[in-house]
C-alpha atoms as a PDB file:
ATOM      1  CA  MET A   1       0.000   0.000   0.000  1.00  0.00           C
ATOM      2  CA  MET A   2       1.223   3.513  -0.756  1.00  0.00           C
ATOM      3  CA  GLN A   3       2.420   5.252   2.357  1.00  0.00           C
ATOM      4  CA  GLY A   4      -0.095   7.632   3.896  1.00  0.00           C
ATOM      5  CA  VAL A   5      -3.387   6.542   2.267  1.00  0.00           C
ATOM      6  CA  PRO A   6      -5.598   4.091   4.118  1.00  0.00           C
ATOM      7  CA  GLN A   7      -7.115   1.693   1.594  1.00  0.00           C
ATOM      8  CA  THR A   8     -10.680   2.674   2.503  1.00  0.00           C
ATOM      9  CA  GLN A   9      -9.959   6.338   1.773  1.00  0.00           C
ATOM     10  CA  LEU A  10      -8.419   5.835  -1.678  1.00  0.00           C
ATOM     11  CA  VAL A  11     -11.782   5.300  -3.355  1.00  0.00           C
ATOM     12  CA  GLN A  12     -13.102   8.520  -1.785  1.00  0.00           C
ATOM     13  CA  MET A  13     -10.398  10.804  -3.168  1.00  0.00           C
ATOM     14  CA  PHE A  14     -11.365  11.526  -6.782  1.00  0.00           C
ATOM     15  CA  GLY A  15     -14.110  11.460  -9.370  1.00  0.00           C
ATOM     16  CA  VAL A  16     -14.863  11.823 -13.043  1.00  0.00           C
ATOM     17  CA  VAL A  17     -17.453  13.893 -14.864  1.00  0.00           C
ATOM     18  CA  ILE A  18     -18.677  13.379 -18.390  1.00  0.00           C
ATOM     19  CA  ALA A  19     -20.873  16.098 -19.884  1.00  0.00           C
ATOM     20  CA  GLY A  20     -24.547  15.224 -19.531  1.00  0.00           C
ATOM     21  CA  ARG A  21     -23.944  12.443 -16.997  1.00  0.00           C
ATOM     22  CA  PRO A  22     -23.827  12.364 -13.207  1.00  0.00           C
ATOM     23  CA  ALA A  23     -20.444  12.578 -11.514  1.00  0.00           C
ATOM     24  CA  VAL A  24     -18.818   9.201 -10.862  1.00  0.00           C
ATOM     25  CA  THR A  25     -17.146   8.748  -7.499  1.00  0.00           C
ATOM     26  CA  ASP A  26     -17.910   5.068  -6.853  1.00  0.00           C
ATOM     27  CA  PHE A  27     -14.646   3.249  -7.509  1.00  0.00           C
ATOM     28  CA  THR A  28     -13.852  -0.311  -6.394  1.00  0.00           C
ATOM     29  CA  MET A  29     -10.467  -1.201  -4.900  1.00  0.00           C
ATOM     30  CA  VAL A  30      -8.437  -3.805  -6.817  1.00  0.00           C
ATOM     31  CA  ASP A  31      -5.267  -3.472  -4.751  1.00  0.00           C
ATOM     32  CA  ALA A  32      -3.682  -1.097  -2.263  1.00  0.00           C
ATOM     33  CA  SER A  33      -3.015   1.689  -4.776  1.00  0.00           C
ATOM     34  CA  LYS A  34      -5.465   0.971  -7.605  1.00  0.00           C
ATOM     35  CA  CYS A  35      -9.208   1.120  -8.114  1.00  0.00           C
ATOM     36  CA  VAL A  36     -11.648   0.851 -11.034  1.00  0.00           C
ATOM     37  CA  THR A  37     -15.134   1.753 -12.188  1.00  0.00           C
ATOM     38  CA  THR A  38     -17.157   0.821 -15.256  1.00  0.00           C
ATOM     39  CA  LEU A  39     -18.182   3.359 -17.874  1.00  0.00           C
ATOM     40  CA  THR A  40     -21.121   2.652 -20.175  1.00  0.00           C
ATOM     41  CA  ALA A  41     -21.535   3.915 -23.745  1.00  0.00           C
ATOM     42  CA  PRO A  42     -17.928   5.116 -24.093  1.00  0.00           C
ATOM     43  CA  GLY A  43     -18.448   5.845 -27.784  1.00  0.00           C
ATOM     44  CA  GLU A  44     -20.487   8.899 -26.758  1.00  0.00           C
ATOM     45  CA  VAL A  45     -17.608  10.371 -24.727  1.00  0.00           C
ATOM     46  CA  SER A  46     -15.050  12.668 -26.347  1.00  0.00           C
ATOM     47  CA  GLU A  47     -13.763  14.314 -23.143  1.00  0.00           C
ATOM     48  CA  ILE A  48     -13.617  13.360 -19.494  1.00  0.00           C
ATOM     49  CA  CYS A  49     -12.975  15.521 -16.443  1.00  0.00           C
ATOM     50  CA  PHE A  50     -10.909  13.837 -13.716  1.00  0.00           C
ATOM     51  CA  PHE A  51     -10.552  15.595 -10.368  1.00  0.00           C
ATOM     52  CA  LEU A  52      -9.578  15.277  -6.738  1.00  0.00           C
ATOM     53  CA  LEU A  53     -12.518  15.625  -4.381  1.00  0.00           C
ATOM     54  CA  PRO A  54     -12.493  18.615  -2.011  1.00  0.00           C
ATOM     55  CA  GLY A  55     -10.416  17.828   1.047  1.00  0.00           C
ATOM     56  CA  ALA A  56      -8.706  14.841  -0.581  1.00  0.00           C
ATOM     57  CA  ALA A  57      -4.997  14.738   0.160  1.00  0.00           C
ATOM     58  CA  LEU A  58      -2.731  12.398  -1.747  1.00  0.00           C
ATOM     59  CA  PRO A  59       0.495  11.207  -0.153  1.00  0.00           C
ATOM     60  CA  PRO A  60       3.414  13.612  -0.729  1.00  0.00           C
ATOM     61  CA  ASN A  61       4.979  13.480  -4.204  1.00  0.00           C
ATOM     62  CA  THR A  62       2.215  11.345  -5.721  1.00  0.00           C
ATOM     63  CA  SER A  63      -0.493  11.783  -8.319  1.00  0.00           C
ATOM     64  CA  ALA A  64      -3.602   9.838  -9.298  1.00  0.00           C
ATOM     65  CA  VAL A  65      -3.261   8.554 -12.868  1.00  0.00           C
ATOM     66  CA  LEU A  66      -6.410   7.799 -14.893  1.00  0.00           C
ATOM     67  CA  TYR A  67      -6.266   4.824 -17.268  1.00  0.00           C
ATOM     68  CA  TYR A  68      -8.813   2.952 -19.378  1.00  0.00           C
ATOM     69  CA  THR A  69      -9.143  -0.531 -20.837  1.00  0.00           C
ATOM     70  CA  VAL A  70     -11.665  -2.238 -23.069  1.00  0.00           C
ATOM     71  CA  ASP A  71     -10.393  -5.784 -22.590  1.00  0.00           C
ATOM     72  CA  GLY A  72      -9.198  -5.611 -18.978  1.00  0.00           C
ATOM     73  CA  VAL A  73      -5.619  -6.316 -20.050  1.00  0.00           C
ATOM     74  CA  GLY A  74      -4.171  -3.414 -22.052  1.00  0.00           C
ATOM     75  CA  TRP A  75      -4.407  -0.173 -20.063  1.00  0.00           C
ATOM     76  CA  THR A  76      -3.977   3.223 -21.743  1.00  0.00           C
ATOM     77  CA  VAL A  77      -3.235   6.402 -19.799  1.00  0.00           C
ATOM     78  CA  LEU A  78      -5.581   9.389 -20.138  1.00  0.00           C
ATOM     79  CA  GLY A  79      -4.153  11.870 -17.657  1.00  0.00           C
ATOM     80  CA  ALA A  80      -3.232  12.570 -14.066  1.00  0.00           C
ATOM     81  CA  VAL A  81      -4.224  14.824 -11.192  1.00  0.00           C
ATOM     82  CA  GLY A  82      -2.444  15.660  -7.985  1.00  0.00           C
ATOM     83  CA  GLU A  83      -1.323  18.507  -5.777  1.00  0.00           C
ATOM     84  CA  ARG A  84       0.249  20.292  -8.764  1.00  0.00           C
ATOM     85  CA  LYS A  85      -2.920  19.908 -10.861  1.00  0.00           C
ATOM     86  CA  PRO A  86      -6.052  18.896  -8.899  1.00  0.00           C
ATOM     87  CA  SER A  87      -8.281  18.561 -11.976  1.00  0.00           C
ATOM     88  CA  GLY A  88      -8.001  18.100 -15.699  1.00  0.00           C
ATOM     89  CA  ILE A  89     -10.088  17.640 -18.817  1.00  0.00           C
ATOM     90  CA  PHE A  90      -8.757  14.925 -21.080  1.00  0.00           C
ATOM     91  CA  ARG A  91      -9.692  14.043 -24.634  1.00  0.00           C
ATOM     92  CA  THR A  92     -10.638  10.444 -25.232  1.00  0.00           C
ATOM     93  CA  PRO A  93     -10.263   8.473 -28.466  1.00  0.00           C
ATOM     94  CA  TRP A  94     -13.292   6.321 -27.685  1.00  0.00           C
ATOM     95  CA  HIS A  95     -15.776   7.895 -30.082  1.00  0.00           C
ATOM     96  CA  THR A  96     -13.506   7.035 -33.019  1.00  0.00           C
ATOM     97  CA  GLN A  97     -11.628   3.927 -31.885  1.00  0.00           C
ATOM     98  CA  LEU A  98     -13.902   1.683 -29.878  1.00  0.00           C
ATOM     99  CA  GLY A  99     -16.464   0.788 -32.493  1.00  0.00           C
ATOM    100  CA  VAL A 100     -19.180  -1.246 -30.818  1.00  0.00           C
ATOM    101  CA  ALA A 101     -17.760  -1.468 -27.265  1.00  0.00           C
ATOM    102  CA  THR A 102     -20.632  -0.886 -24.849  1.00  0.00           C
ATOM    103  CA  THR A 103     -18.511  -0.537 -21.702  1.00  0.00           C
ATOM    104  CA  LEU A 104     -14.959   0.041 -20.607  1.00  0.00           C
ATOM    105  CA  GLN A 105     -13.144   0.202 -17.317  1.00  0.00           C
ATOM    106  CA  LEU A 106     -11.595   3.335 -15.909  1.00  0.00           C
ATOM    107  CA  GLY A 107      -8.731   2.685 -13.553  1.00  0.00           C
ATOM    108  CA  VAL A 108      -6.986   5.006 -11.135  1.00  0.00           C
ATOM    109  CA  SER A 109      -3.513   4.265  -9.851  1.00  0.00           C
ATOM    110  CA  LEU A 110      -1.517   6.222  -7.289  1.00  0.00           C
ATOM    111  CA  GLU A 111       1.918   6.824  -8.796  1.00  0.00           C
ATOM    112  CA  SER A 112       4.963   8.792  -7.748  1.00  0.00           C
ATOM    113  CA  ASN A 113       5.350  12.170  -9.444  1.00  0.00           C
ATOM    114  CA  ASP A 114       8.571  10.873 -11.029  1.00  0.00           C
ATOM    115  CA  VAL A 115       6.577   8.157 -12.806  1.00  0.00           C
ATOM    116  CA  VAL A 116       3.923  10.689 -13.850  1.00  0.00           C
ATOM    117  CA  ASP A 117       6.590  13.063 -15.189  1.00  0.00           C
ATOM    118  CA  ASN A 118       7.956  10.210 -17.328  1.00  0.00           C
ATOM    119  CA  LEU A 119       4.502   9.651 -18.845  1.00  0.00           C
ATOM    120  CA  ASN A 120       4.822  13.000 -20.697  1.00  0.00           C
ATOM    121  CA  LEU A 121       1.322  14.149 -19.802  1.00  0.00           C
ATOM    122  CA  THR A 122       2.077  17.831 -20.360  1.00  0.00           C
ATOM    123  CA  SER A 123      -0.482  18.123 -23.160  1.00  0.00           C
ATOM    124  CA  SER A 124      -3.888  19.247 -21.964  1.00  0.00           C
ATOM    125  CA  GLY A 125      -7.276  19.655 -23.535  1.00  0.00           C
ATOM    126  CA  VAL A 126      -6.497  23.321 -24.127  1.00  0.00           C
ATOM    127  CA  GLU A 127      -3.368  22.444 -26.104  1.00  0.00           C
ATOM    128  CA  ASP A 128      -5.323  19.829 -28.087  1.00  0.00           C
ATOM    129  CA  ARG A 129      -7.836  22.511 -29.030  1.00  0.00           C
ATOM    130  CA  ARG A 130      -5.036  24.857 -30.015  1.00  0.00           C
ATOM    131  CA  ALA A 131      -3.543  22.204 -32.290  1.00  0.00           C
ATOM    132  CA  PHE A 132      -6.998  21.583 -33.763  1.00  0.00           C
ATOM    133  CA  ALA A 133      -7.544  25.283 -34.403  1.00  0.00           C
ATOM    134  CA  ARG A 134      -4.062  25.584 -35.944  1.00  0.00           C
ATOM    135  CA  LYS A 135      -4.905  22.762 -38.340  1.00  0.00           C
ATOM    136  CA  ILE A 136      -8.026  24.669 -39.396  1.00  0.00           C
ATOM    137  CA  ALA A 137      -5.939  27.786 -39.963  1.00  0.00           C
ATOM    138  CA  GLN A 138      -3.331  25.809 -41.914  1.00  0.00           C
ATOM    139  CA  ASP A 139      -6.076  24.267 -44.054  1.00  0.00           C
ATOM    140  CA  LEU A 140      -7.384  27.758 -44.845  1.00  0.00           C
ATOM    141  CA  PHE A 141      -3.882  28.853 -45.799  1.00  0.00           C
ATOM    142  CA  ASP A 142      -3.312  25.807 -48.012  1.00  0.00           C
ATOM    143  CA  PHE A 143      -6.686  26.221 -49.688  1.00  0.00           C
ATOM    144  CA  LEU A 144      -6.154  29.907 -50.466  1.00  0.00           C
ATOM    145  CA  ALA A 145      -2.579  29.298 -51.556  1.00  0.00           C
ATOM    146  CA  SER A 146      -3.802  26.755 -54.107  1.00  0.00           C
ATOM    147  CA  PHE A 147      -5.350  29.667 -56.004  1.00  0.00           C
ATOM    148  CA  SER A 148      -2.143  31.662 -56.133  1.00  0.00           C
ATOM    149  CA  ARG A 149      -0.658  32.632 -59.463  1.00  0.00           C
ATOM    150  CA  PRO A 150       2.643  34.299 -60.155  1.00  0.00           C
ATOM    151  CA  SER A 151       2.224  38.041 -60.537  1.00  0.00           C
ATOM    152  CA  SER A 152       3.624  37.658 -64.059  1.00  0.00           C
ATOM    153  CA  ASP A 153       0.630  35.457 -65.009  1.00  0.00           C
ATOM    154  CA  LEU A 154      -1.433  38.423 -66.216  1.00  0.00           C
ATOM    155  CA  ALA A 155      -2.717  36.462 -69.203  1.00  0.00           C
ATOM    156  CA  TYR A 156      -4.435  33.986 -66.876  1.00  0.00           C
ATOM    157  CA  LEU A 157      -6.027  36.783 -64.878  1.00  0.00           C
ATOM    158  CA  GLN A 158      -7.259  38.546 -68.027  1.00  0.00           C
ATOM    159  CA  ALA A 159      -8.636  35.287 -69.463  1.00  0.00           C
ATOM    160  CA  ASN A 160     -10.536  34.569 -66.229  1.00  0.00           C
ATOM    161  CA  PRO A 161     -12.179  37.881 -65.327  1.00  0.00           C
ATOM    162  CA  ALA A 162     -14.318  36.456 -62.527  1.00  0.00           C
ATOM    163  CA  GLU A 163     -14.411  38.284 -59.223  1.00  0.00           C
ATOM    164  CA  LEU A 164     -10.971  38.074 -57.720  1.00  0.00           C
ATOM    165  CA  LEU A 165      -9.690  38.614 -54.267  1.00  0.00           C
ATOM    166  CA  ILE A 166      -5.983  39.159 -54.519  1.00  0.00           C
ATOM    167  CA  VAL A 167      -4.297  38.561 -51.199  1.00  0.00           C
ATOM    168  CA  PRO A 168      -0.559  38.310 -50.689  1.00  0.00           C
ATOM    169  CA  THR A 169       0.419  35.096 -48.905  1.00  0.00           C
ATOM    170  CA  SER A 170       1.991  37.205 -46.162  1.00  0.00           C
ATOM    171  CA  VAL A 171      -1.519  38.330 -45.179  1.00  0.00           C
ATOM    172  CA  ILE A 172      -2.433  34.739 -44.358  1.00  0.00           C
ATOM    173  CA  ASP A 173       0.783  34.388 -42.347  1.00  0.00           C
ATOM    174  CA  ARG A 174      -0.187  37.510 -40.401  1.00  0.00           C
ATOM    175  CA  TRP A 175      -3.679  36.095 -39.887  1.00  0.00           C
ATOM    176  CA  ILE A 176      -2.210  32.895 -38.410  1.00  0.00           C
ATOM    177  CA  ILE A 177      -0.022  34.959 -36.041  1.00  0.00           C
ATOM    178  CA  ARG A 178      -3.051  37.015 -35.010  1.00  0.00           C
ATOM    179  CA  PHE A 179      -5.027  33.793 -34.551  1.00  0.00           C
ATOM    180  CA  ASP A 180      -2.330  32.444 -32.203  1.00  0.00           C
ATOM    181  CA  GLU A 181      -2.316  35.678 -30.192  1.00  0.00           C
ATOM    182  CA  LYS A 182      -6.102  35.652 -29.810  1.00  0.00           C
ATOM    183  CA  TYR A 183      -5.981  31.979 -28.865  1.00  0.00           C
ATOM    184  CA  GLN A 184      -3.448  32.723 -26.125  1.00  0.00           C
ATOM    185  CA  ARG A 185      -5.908  35.210 -24.607  1.00  0.00           C
ATOM    186  CA  ASP A 186      -9.037  33.029 -25.026  1.00  0.00           C
ATOM    187  CA  PRO A 187      -8.856  29.437 -26.305  1.00  0.00           C
ATOM    188  CA  ASN A 188     -12.569  29.535 -27.151  1.00  0.00           C
ATOM    189  CA  PHE A 189     -12.602  32.840 -29.061  1.00  0.00           C
ATOM    190  CA  TYR A 190     -13.409  31.154 -32.362  1.00  0.00           C
ATOM    191  CA  LEU A 191     -16.584  29.661 -30.860  1.00  0.00           C
ATOM    192  CA  LYS A 192     -18.052  33.081 -29.995  1.00  0.00           C
END
């Protein structure tokens, strides 16, 4: 058993929330530092919030790591919470990868912060959204750039007198920079 956490208290230290569902705090112990719960309809879940309950205190230099498994054998890490980060929202691949799975198990394991640091869990939901938004911006750039013509291609422009919007590629670069700056201030600005 991990030093400092009575086994009966471990299952009362954290919970998960999935949008539109009640909070889950009923975990079952499987050993001194691990517990599990079952999640139904995982294909409907794209994000999960994992958090320490108010007043919960993990042993010093430890974190609670959230894992999942479909088959009970291969466990995949989703994220971790602890004193340094008492809650987190983590993207799940379930809506695209699980196909017809009707349930999965969520597991929580108390791990040392050294182990957690080695898991490279620095990416968060906010960074995932930033990468997603950047891909949208890059797609816009690539699409507009596909219409570019050398400035010496006047014959093409005269032969195709449709409405034209002539934009130097540097304008798109500036737009991407502005996009990044706005995203730094408010990761959800493009949803407003």
